Amino acid sequence: MNYIRITKDNIDEEHICCAMSGKQSVAKKEWLKQRFDEGLVFYRSEERGKCFIEYIPAENAWVPIEADGYLYITCLWVSGAMKGHGYSNDLLDACIRDAKTQGRKGLCILSSEKRKKEFLADPKYLAYKGFALADTSDCGITLQYLPLAPDAEPPRFRECARHPGVAEDGFVLYYTDQCPFTYYWVPRVAEVARAHNIPLKVIPVTDRESARNVPAPVTTYALFRDGKFVTQSIQSDKKFLALAGIQP
């Protein structure tokens, strides 16, 4: 498989395989354009499909972690017909080579305890590739790391991520434009919440400093209910209504 690096010079002409189409793709591309000068790297398969890796120096990552000197993998996604061919290994190996070239301490990525969860890396795959547990949030989301230097201190969550929670009752949703699916689904969820008189506070995260202080380990999508973290999984309008106990 051949891979293409998406840059500010070719992003307008190239597709990004995580985006659906149209305005969703535009929103994600705009987010990427603003990150390239901060060191963000986006590799995808030459063949169309969901097969890509996105990573950035952890100092510039939009997550509440302390991981200076690491590369933070925002997303490693290989799915559908692309699975089972070793493409995840190719992409991860490219990231490792880049980290070594930059003299980085290692890599880090969000995952989960025991089983794979939506929008998080597979813990079994990470263990197979040599990643170890760096930190764990109360909600079961973990920070995994692959040290590349013998004296590398493990990265860690900030306290707001280690103990997620909000003060408000009802639903509270934090999200960024980092994932194109939020562009599509967040307005639809807000619409059905209004239609059914479901209390929902939507908080867009629009800068890195705000992202580093989100009260959850995930910032692309963090949904709370009555103060407690519920999910990092992007909800459709129907799934949200089900969470709220309402039949559509």
C-alpha atoms as a PDB file:
ATOM      1  CA  MET A   1       0.000   0.000   0.000  1.00  0.00           C
ATOM      2  CA  ASN A   2       1.214   3.493  -0.807  1.00  0.00           C
ATOM      3  CA  TYR A   3       0.476   6.391   1.524  1.00  0.00           C
ATOM      4  CA  ILE A   4      -0.038  10.115   1.012  1.00  0.00           C
ATOM      5  CA  ARG A   5       0.899  12.821   3.489  1.00  0.00           C
ATOM      6  CA  ILE A   6      -1.746  15.530   3.634  1.00  0.00           C
ATOM      7  CA  THR A   7      -0.244  19.010   3.949  1.00  0.00           C
ATOM      8  CA  LYS A   8      -1.439  22.585   3.643  1.00  0.00           C
ATOM      9  CA  ASP A   9      -0.215  22.458   0.035  1.00  0.00           C
ATOM     10  CA  ASN A  10      -2.399  19.554  -1.092  1.00  0.00           C
ATOM     11  CA  ILE A  11      -5.274  19.391   1.408  1.00  0.00           C
ATOM     12  CA  ASP A  12      -7.725  21.254  -0.819  1.00  0.00           C
ATOM     13  CA  GLU A  13      -7.290  18.669  -3.588  1.00  0.00           C
ATOM     14  CA  GLU A  14      -7.027  15.497  -1.487  1.00  0.00           C
ATOM     15  CA  HIS A  15      -9.791  13.705   0.376  1.00  0.00           C
ATOM     16  CA  ILE A  16      -9.428  12.982   4.088  1.00  0.00           C
ATOM     17  CA  CYS A  17     -10.790   9.542   4.706  1.00  0.00           C
ATOM     18  CA  CYS A  18     -12.377  10.210   8.105  1.00  0.00           C
ATOM     19  CA  ALA A  19     -14.667  12.922   6.678  1.00  0.00           C
ATOM     20  CA  MET A  20     -17.989  12.026   5.150  1.00  0.00           C
ATOM     21  CA  SER A  21     -18.438  14.676   2.475  1.00  0.00           C
ATOM     22  CA  GLY A  22     -19.376  18.274   1.787  1.00  0.00           C
ATOM     23  CA  LYS A  23     -19.398  20.679   4.717  1.00  0.00           C
ATOM     24  CA  GLN A  24     -18.222  17.983   7.160  1.00  0.00           C
ATOM     25  CA  SER A  25     -15.032  17.646   5.139  1.00  0.00           C
ATOM     26  CA  VAL A  26     -14.585  21.422   4.943  1.00  0.00           C
ATOM     27  CA  ALA A  27     -14.830  21.833   8.726  1.00  0.00           C
ATOM     28  CA  LYS A  28     -12.284  19.088   9.368  1.00  0.00           C
ATOM     29  CA  LYS A  29      -9.915  20.418   6.711  1.00  0.00           C
ATOM     30  CA  GLU A  30     -10.049  23.896   8.216  1.00  0.00           C
ATOM     31  CA  TRP A  31      -9.186  22.445  11.613  1.00  0.00           C
ATOM     32  CA  LEU A  32      -6.240  20.566  10.086  1.00  0.00           C
ATOM     33  CA  LYS A  33      -4.960  23.634   8.222  1.00  0.00           C
ATOM     34  CA  GLN A  34      -4.676  25.489  11.514  1.00  0.00           C
ATOM     35  CA  ARG A  35      -2.652  22.642  13.045  1.00  0.00           C
ATOM     36  CA  PHE A  36      -0.063  21.924  10.334  1.00  0.00           C
ATOM     37  CA  ASP A  37       2.267  24.697  11.499  1.00  0.00           C
ATOM     38  CA  GLU A  38       2.010  23.212  15.001  1.00  0.00           C
ATOM     39  CA  GLY A  39       3.512  19.954  13.759  1.00  0.00           C
ATOM     40  CA  LEU A  40       0.398  17.948  12.920  1.00  0.00           C
ATOM     41  CA  VAL A  41       0.948  15.035  10.521  1.00  0.00           C
ATOM     42  CA  PHE A  42      -1.804  13.278   8.567  1.00  0.00           C
ATOM     43  CA  TYR A  43      -1.009  10.155   6.512  1.00  0.00           C
ATOM     44  CA  ARG A  44      -3.662   8.243   4.611  1.00  0.00           C
ATOM     45  CA  SER A  45      -3.759   5.354   2.202  1.00  0.00           C
ATOM     46  CA  GLU A  46      -3.489   6.205  -1.484  1.00  0.00           C
ATOM     47  CA  GLU A  47      -6.527   4.017  -2.021  1.00  0.00           C
ATOM     48  CA  ARG A  48      -9.790   5.590  -0.866  1.00  0.00           C
ATOM     49  CA  GLY A  49     -11.095   4.228   2.410  1.00  0.00           C
ATOM     50  CA  LYS A  50     -10.789   4.670   6.163  1.00  0.00           C
ATOM     51  CA  CYS A  51      -7.069   4.093   6.553  1.00  0.00           C
ATOM     52  CA  PHE A  52      -5.099   6.908   8.162  1.00  0.00           C
ATOM     53  CA  ILE A  53      -3.091   8.186  11.108  1.00  0.00           C
ATOM     54  CA  GLU A  54      -3.111  11.688  12.562  1.00  0.00           C
ATOM     55  CA  TYR A  55      -0.613  12.815  15.188  1.00  0.00           C
ATOM     56  CA  ILE A  56       0.880  15.979  16.661  1.00  0.00           C
ATOM     57  CA  PRO A  57       3.519  16.994  19.221  1.00  0.00           C
ATOM     58  CA  ALA A  58       1.813  16.400  22.550  1.00  0.00           C
ATOM     59  CA  GLU A  59       2.588  19.960  23.632  1.00  0.00           C
ATOM     60  CA  ASN A  60       0.125  21.075  20.949  1.00  0.00           C
ATOM     61  CA  ALA A  61      -2.485  18.353  21.422  1.00  0.00           C
ATOM     62  CA  TRP A  62      -6.090  19.313  22.168  1.00  0.00           C
ATOM     63  CA  VAL A  63      -6.400  16.985  25.158  1.00  0.00           C
ATOM     64  CA  PRO A  64      -5.887  17.474  28.907  1.00  0.00           C
ATOM     65  CA  ILE A  65      -2.621  15.555  29.241  1.00  0.00           C
ATOM     66  CA  GLU A  66       0.899  16.326  30.420  1.00  0.00           C
ATOM     67  CA  ALA A  67       3.137  14.694  27.824  1.00  0.00           C
ATOM     68  CA  ASP A  68       5.891  17.089  26.829  1.00  0.00           C
ATOM     69  CA  GLY A  69       8.375  15.439  24.492  1.00  0.00           C
ATOM     70  CA  TYR A  70       5.905  12.876  23.176  1.00  0.00           C
ATOM     71  CA  LEU A  71       3.964  12.602  19.940  1.00  0.00           C
ATOM     72  CA  TYR A  72       0.247  12.309  20.599  1.00  0.00           C
ATOM     73  CA  ILE A  73      -1.714  10.125  18.177  1.00  0.00           C
ATOM     74  CA  THR A  74      -5.020  11.859  17.647  1.00  0.00           C
ATOM     75  CA  CYS A  75      -6.456   9.055  15.551  1.00  0.00           C
ATOM     76  CA  LEU A  76      -5.313   5.738  14.061  1.00  0.00           C
ATOM     77  CA  TRP A  77      -8.186   4.324  12.042  1.00  0.00           C
ATOM     78  CA  VAL A  78      -8.236   1.360   9.683  1.00  0.00           C
ATOM     79  CA  SER A  79     -11.630  -0.168   8.994  1.00  0.00           C
ATOM     80  CA  GLY A  80     -13.795  -2.035   6.500  1.00  0.00           C
ATOM     81  CA  ALA A  81     -11.986  -3.663   3.604  1.00  0.00           C
ATOM     82  CA  MET A  82      -8.738  -2.033   4.736  1.00  0.00           C
ATOM     83  CA  LYS A  83      -8.518  -4.221   7.850  1.00  0.00           C
ATOM     84  CA  GLY A  84      -6.371  -7.316   8.019  1.00  0.00           C
ATOM     85  CA  HIS A  85      -3.592  -6.224   5.663  1.00  0.00           C
ATOM     86  CA  GLY A  86      -1.079  -4.757   8.104  1.00  0.00           C
ATOM     87  CA  TYR A  87      -1.898  -1.144   7.253  1.00  0.00           C
ATOM     88  CA  SER A  88      -2.202  -0.157  10.916  1.00  0.00           C
ATOM     89  CA  ASN A  89       1.344  -1.414  11.414  1.00  0.00           C
ATOM     90  CA  ASP A  90       2.542   0.619   8.415  1.00  0.00           C
ATOM     91  CA  LEU A  91       0.987   3.809   9.737  1.00  0.00           C
ATOM     92  CA  LEU A  92       2.164   3.290  13.297  1.00  0.00           C
ATOM     93  CA  ASP A  93       5.685   2.464  12.091  1.00  0.00           C
ATOM     94  CA  ALA A  94       5.751   5.735  10.144  1.00  0.00           C
ATOM     95  CA  CYS A  95       4.809   7.596  13.323  1.00  0.00           C
ATOM     96  CA  ILE A  96       7.525   5.807  15.299  1.00  0.00           C
ATOM     97  CA  ARG A  97      10.139   6.672  12.681  1.00  0.00           C
ATOM     98  CA  ASP A  98       9.055  10.299  12.793  1.00  0.00           C
ATOM     99  CA  ALA A  99       9.213  10.347  16.598  1.00  0.00           C
ATOM    100  CA  LYS A 100      12.747   8.941  16.557  1.00  0.00           C
ATOM    101  CA  THR A 101      13.827  11.465  13.914  1.00  0.00           C
ATOM    102  CA  GLN A 102      12.463  14.283  16.086  1.00  0.00           C
ATOM    103  CA  GLY A 103      14.151  12.881  19.189  1.00  0.00           C
ATOM    104  CA  ARG A 104      10.822  12.367  20.927  1.00  0.00           C
ATOM    105  CA  LYS A 105      10.436  10.463  24.191  1.00  0.00           C
ATOM    106  CA  GLY A 106       7.747   8.235  22.692  1.00  0.00           C
ATOM    107  CA  LEU A 107       4.145   8.056  21.538  1.00  0.00           C
ATOM    108  CA  CYS A 108       0.898   8.316  23.469  1.00  0.00           C
ATOM    109  CA  ILE A 109      -2.739   7.703  22.590  1.00  0.00           C
ATOM    110  CA  LEU A 110      -6.142   7.373  24.263  1.00  0.00           C
ATOM    111  CA  SER A 111      -7.616   3.906  24.710  1.00  0.00           C
ATOM    112  CA  SER A 112      -9.901   2.042  27.098  1.00  0.00           C
ATOM    113  CA  GLU A 113      -9.779  -0.630  29.756  1.00  0.00           C
ATOM    114  CA  LYS A 114     -10.195  -4.260  28.649  1.00  0.00           C
ATOM    115  CA  ARG A 115     -12.297  -3.876  25.486  1.00  0.00           C
ATOM    116  CA  LYS A 116     -12.318  -1.620  22.438  1.00  0.00           C
ATOM    117  CA  LYS A 117     -14.631   1.384  22.646  1.00  0.00           C
ATOM    118  CA  GLU A 118     -15.841   3.672  19.888  1.00  0.00           C
ATOM    119  CA  PHE A 119     -13.494   6.500  18.874  1.00  0.00           C
ATOM    120  CA  LEU A 120     -10.684   5.086  21.045  1.00  0.00           C
ATOM    121  CA  ALA A 121      -7.707   2.924  20.122  1.00  0.00           C
ATOM    122  CA  ASP A 122      -7.960  -0.851  20.577  1.00  0.00           C
ATOM    123  CA  PRO A 123      -6.182  -1.769  23.849  1.00  0.00           C
ATOM    124  CA  LYS A 124      -5.322  -5.266  22.613  1.00  0.00           C
ATOM    125  CA  TYR A 125      -3.641  -3.907  19.500  1.00  0.00           C
ATOM    126  CA  LEU A 126      -1.707  -1.349  21.528  1.00  0.00           C
ATOM    127  CA  ALA A 127      -0.486  -4.028  23.952  1.00  0.00           C
ATOM    128  CA  TYR A 128       0.602  -6.155  20.978  1.00  0.00           C
ATOM    129  CA  LYS A 129       2.642  -3.209  19.677  1.00  0.00           C
ATOM    130  CA  GLY A 130       4.354  -2.656  23.030  1.00  0.00           C
ATOM    131  CA  PHE A 131       2.296   0.185  24.492  1.00  0.00           C
ATOM    132  CA  ALA A 132       1.928   0.339  28.267  1.00  0.00           C
ATOM    133  CA  LEU A 133      -0.549   1.971  30.619  1.00  0.00           C
ATOM    134  CA  ALA A 134       0.433   5.505  31.592  1.00  0.00           C
ATOM    135  CA  ASP A 135      -2.705   6.736  33.367  1.00  0.00           C
ATOM    136  CA  THR A 136      -6.390   5.949  33.856  1.00  0.00           C
ATOM    137  CA  SER A 137      -9.422   8.201  34.136  1.00  0.00           C
ATOM    138  CA  ASP A 138     -12.283   7.432  36.515  1.00  0.00           C
ATOM    139  CA  CYS A 139     -14.488   6.882  33.449  1.00  0.00           C
ATOM    140  CA  GLY A 140     -12.334   3.980  32.207  1.00  0.00           C
ATOM    141  CA  ILE A 141     -10.532   5.822  29.427  1.00  0.00           C
ATOM    142  CA  THR A 142      -6.794   5.205  29.532  1.00  0.00           C
ATOM    143  CA  LEU A 143      -3.679   6.986  28.346  1.00  0.00           C
ATOM    144  CA  GLN A 144      -1.301   4.486  26.748  1.00  0.00           C
ATOM    145  CA  TYR A 145       2.296   5.168  25.810  1.00  0.00           C
ATOM    146  CA  LEU A 146       5.161   3.645  23.852  1.00  0.00           C
ATOM    147  CA  PRO A 147       8.482   4.849  25.288  1.00  0.00           C
ATOM    148  CA  LEU A 148      11.326   5.381  22.827  1.00  0.00           C
ATOM    149  CA  ALA A 149      13.857   6.672  25.352  1.00  0.00           C
ATOM    150  CA  PRO A 150      15.062   4.553  28.309  1.00  0.00           C
ATOM    151  CA  ASP A 151      14.481   7.343  30.829  1.00  0.00           C
ATOM    152  CA  ALA A 152      11.122   8.500  29.408  1.00  0.00           C
ATOM    153  CA  GLU A 153       8.748   9.527  32.184  1.00  0.00           C
ATOM    154  CA  PRO A 154       5.216   8.289  31.428  1.00  0.00           C
ATOM    155  CA  PRO A 155       2.717  10.932  30.304  1.00  0.00           C
ATOM    156  CA  ARG A 156      -0.291  11.565  32.500  1.00  0.00           C
ATOM    157  CA  PHE A 157      -3.780  13.003  32.532  1.00  0.00           C
ATOM    158  CA  ARG A 158      -4.429  16.406  34.012  1.00  0.00           C
ATOM    159  CA  GLU A 159      -6.678  16.271  37.071  1.00  0.00           C
ATOM    160  CA  CYS A 160      -9.708  17.470  35.094  1.00  0.00           C
ATOM    161  CA  ALA A 161      -9.353  14.415  32.845  1.00  0.00           C
ATOM    162  CA  ARG A 162      -8.513  11.941  35.589  1.00  0.00           C
ATOM    163  CA  HIS A 163     -11.704  12.812  37.479  1.00  0.00           C
ATOM    164  CA  PRO A 164     -14.270  13.877  34.843  1.00  0.00           C
ATOM    165  CA  GLY A 165     -17.407  15.699  35.911  1.00  0.00           C
ATOM    166  CA  VAL A 166     -19.430  18.903  35.573  1.00  0.00           C
ATOM    167  CA  ALA A 167     -21.553  20.898  37.998  1.00  0.00           C
ATOM    168  CA  GLU A 168     -24.634  21.282  35.795  1.00  0.00           C
ATOM    169  CA  ASP A 169     -27.716  19.061  35.822  1.00  0.00           C
ATOM    170  CA  GLY A 170     -29.131  17.743  32.572  1.00  0.00           C
ATOM    171  CA  PHE A 171     -26.923  16.991  29.568  1.00  0.00           C
ATOM    172  CA  VAL A 172     -23.693  18.867  28.885  1.00  0.00           C
ATOM    173  CA  LEU A 173     -21.741  18.304  25.680  1.00  0.00           C
ATOM    174  CA  TYR A 174     -18.199  19.414  24.886  1.00  0.00           C
ATOM    175  CA  TYR A 175     -16.968  18.985  21.312  1.00  0.00           C
ATOM    176  CA  THR A 176     -14.396  20.167  18.774  1.00  0.00           C
ATOM    177  CA  ASP A 177     -14.222  20.288  14.964  1.00  0.00           C
ATOM    178  CA  GLN A 178     -11.380  17.796  15.083  1.00  0.00           C
ATOM    179  CA  CYS A 179     -13.806  15.033  14.116  1.00  0.00           C
ATOM    180  CA  PRO A 180     -16.065  15.659  11.103  1.00  0.00           C
ATOM    181  CA  PHE A 181     -18.861  13.618  12.618  1.00  0.00           C
ATOM    182  CA  THR A 182     -19.408  16.264  15.305  1.00  0.00           C
ATOM    183  CA  TYR A 183     -20.146  18.841  12.599  1.00  0.00           C
ATOM    184  CA  TYR A 184     -22.958  16.634  11.333  1.00  0.00           C
ATOM    185  CA  TRP A 185     -24.429  15.223  14.534  1.00  0.00           C
ATOM    186  CA  VAL A 186     -24.083  17.905  17.220  1.00  0.00           C
ATOM    187  CA  PRO A 187     -26.630  20.289  15.600  1.00  0.00           C
ATOM    188  CA  ARG A 188     -29.061  17.411  15.076  1.00  0.00           C
ATOM    189  CA  VAL A 189     -28.789  16.340  18.696  1.00  0.00           C
ATOM    190  CA  ALA A 190     -29.300  19.934  19.829  1.00  0.00           C
ATOM    191  CA  GLU A 191     -32.384  20.154  17.613  1.00  0.00           C
ATOM    192  CA  VAL A 192     -34.056  17.043  19.016  1.00  0.00           C
ATOM    193  CA  ALA A 193     -33.171  18.134  22.545  1.00  0.00           C
ATOM    194  CA  ARG A 194     -35.030  21.408  21.970  1.00  0.00           C
ATOM    195  CA  ALA A 195     -37.949  19.599  20.358  1.00  0.00           C
ATOM    196  CA  HIS A 196     -38.345  17.282  23.374  1.00  0.00           C
ATOM    197  CA  ASN A 197     -37.510  19.860  26.061  1.00  0.00           C
ATOM    198  CA  ILE A 198     -34.395  17.934  27.107  1.00  0.00           C
ATOM    199  CA  PRO A 199     -31.934  20.157  28.987  1.00  0.00           C
ATOM    200  CA  LEU A 200     -28.745  20.220  26.923  1.00  0.00           C
ATOM    201  CA  LYS A 201     -25.853  22.654  27.170  1.00  0.00           C
ATOM    202  CA  VAL A 202     -23.533  22.524  24.144  1.00  0.00           C
ATOM    203  CA  ILE A 203     -19.986  23.838  24.602  1.00  0.00           C
ATOM    204  CA  PRO A 204     -17.786  24.110  21.498  1.00  0.00           C
ATOM    205  CA  VAL A 205     -14.071  23.857  22.257  1.00  0.00           C
ATOM    206  CA  THR A 206     -12.307  26.249  19.925  1.00  0.00           C
ATOM    207  CA  ASP A 207      -8.724  26.569  21.185  1.00  0.00           C
ATOM    208  CA  ARG A 208      -5.993  24.390  22.664  1.00  0.00           C
ATOM    209  CA  GLU A 209      -5.961  25.990  26.098  1.00  0.00           C
ATOM    210  CA  SER A 210      -9.696  25.385  26.506  1.00  0.00           C
ATOM    211  CA  ALA A 211      -9.216  21.803  25.315  1.00  0.00           C
ATOM    212  CA  ARG A 212      -6.528  21.236  27.937  1.00  0.00           C
ATOM    213  CA  ASN A 213      -9.076  22.156  30.600  1.00  0.00           C
ATOM    214  CA  VAL A 214     -12.077  20.146  29.407  1.00  0.00           C
ATOM    215  CA  PRO A 215     -13.346  18.074  32.365  1.00  0.00           C
ATOM    216  CA  ALA A 216     -12.915  14.782  30.499  1.00  0.00           C
ATOM    217  CA  PRO A 217     -10.057  12.820  28.911  1.00  0.00           C
ATOM    218  CA  VAL A 218     -11.616  13.167  25.439  1.00  0.00           C
ATOM    219  CA  THR A 219     -12.300  16.566  23.885  1.00  0.00           C
ATOM    220  CA  THR A 220     -13.612  15.715  20.416  1.00  0.00           C
ATOM    221  CA  TYR A 221     -16.880  14.633  22.053  1.00  0.00           C
ATOM    222  CA  ALA A 222     -17.580  14.409  25.780  1.00  0.00           C
ATOM    223  CA  LEU A 223     -21.188  13.979  26.920  1.00  0.00           C
ATOM    224  CA  PHE A 224     -22.248  14.348  30.553  1.00  0.00           C
ATOM    225  CA  ARG A 225     -25.564  13.799  32.278  1.00  0.00           C
ATOM    226  CA  ASP A 226     -26.368  15.235  35.702  1.00  0.00           C
ATOM    227  CA  GLY A 227     -22.705  15.880  36.332  1.00  0.00           C
ATOM    228  CA  LYS A 228     -21.390  12.455  35.355  1.00  0.00           C
ATOM    229  CA  PHE A 229     -19.452  11.512  32.236  1.00  0.00           C
ATOM    230  CA  VAL A 230     -21.599   9.352  29.930  1.00  0.00           C
ATOM    231  CA  THR A 231     -19.715   8.718  26.702  1.00  0.00           C
ATOM    232  CA  GLN A 232     -17.096   9.780  24.194  1.00  0.00           C
ATOM    233  CA  SER A 233     -19.087   8.090  21.425  1.00  0.00           C
ATOM    234  CA  ILE A 234     -20.635  10.596  19.027  1.00  0.00           C
ATOM    235  CA  GLN A 235     -24.399  10.235  19.332  1.00  0.00           C
ATOM    236  CA  SER A 236     -26.927  10.313  16.532  1.00  0.00           C
ATOM    237  CA  ASP A 237     -30.221  12.036  17.274  1.00  0.00           C
ATOM    238  CA  LYS A 238     -31.890   8.663  17.810  1.00  0.00           C
ATOM    239  CA  LYS A 239     -29.157   7.404  20.147  1.00  0.00           C
ATOM    240  CA  PHE A 240     -29.327  10.614  22.151  1.00  0.00           C
ATOM    241  CA  LEU A 241     -33.077  10.291  22.580  1.00  0.00           C
ATOM    242  CA  ALA A 242     -32.584   6.713  23.751  1.00  0.00           C
ATOM    243  CA  LEU A 243     -30.070   7.954  26.348  1.00  0.00           C
ATOM    244  CA  ALA A 244     -32.644  10.460  27.496  1.00  0.00           C
ATOM    245  CA  GLY A 245     -35.257   7.711  27.781  1.00  0.00           C
ATOM    246  CA  ILE A 246     -37.436   9.026  24.965  1.00  0.00           C
ATOM    247  CA  GLN A 247     -38.793   6.977  22.095  1.00  0.00           C
ATOM    248  CA  PRO A 248     -38.376   8.868  18.795  1.00  0.00           C
END
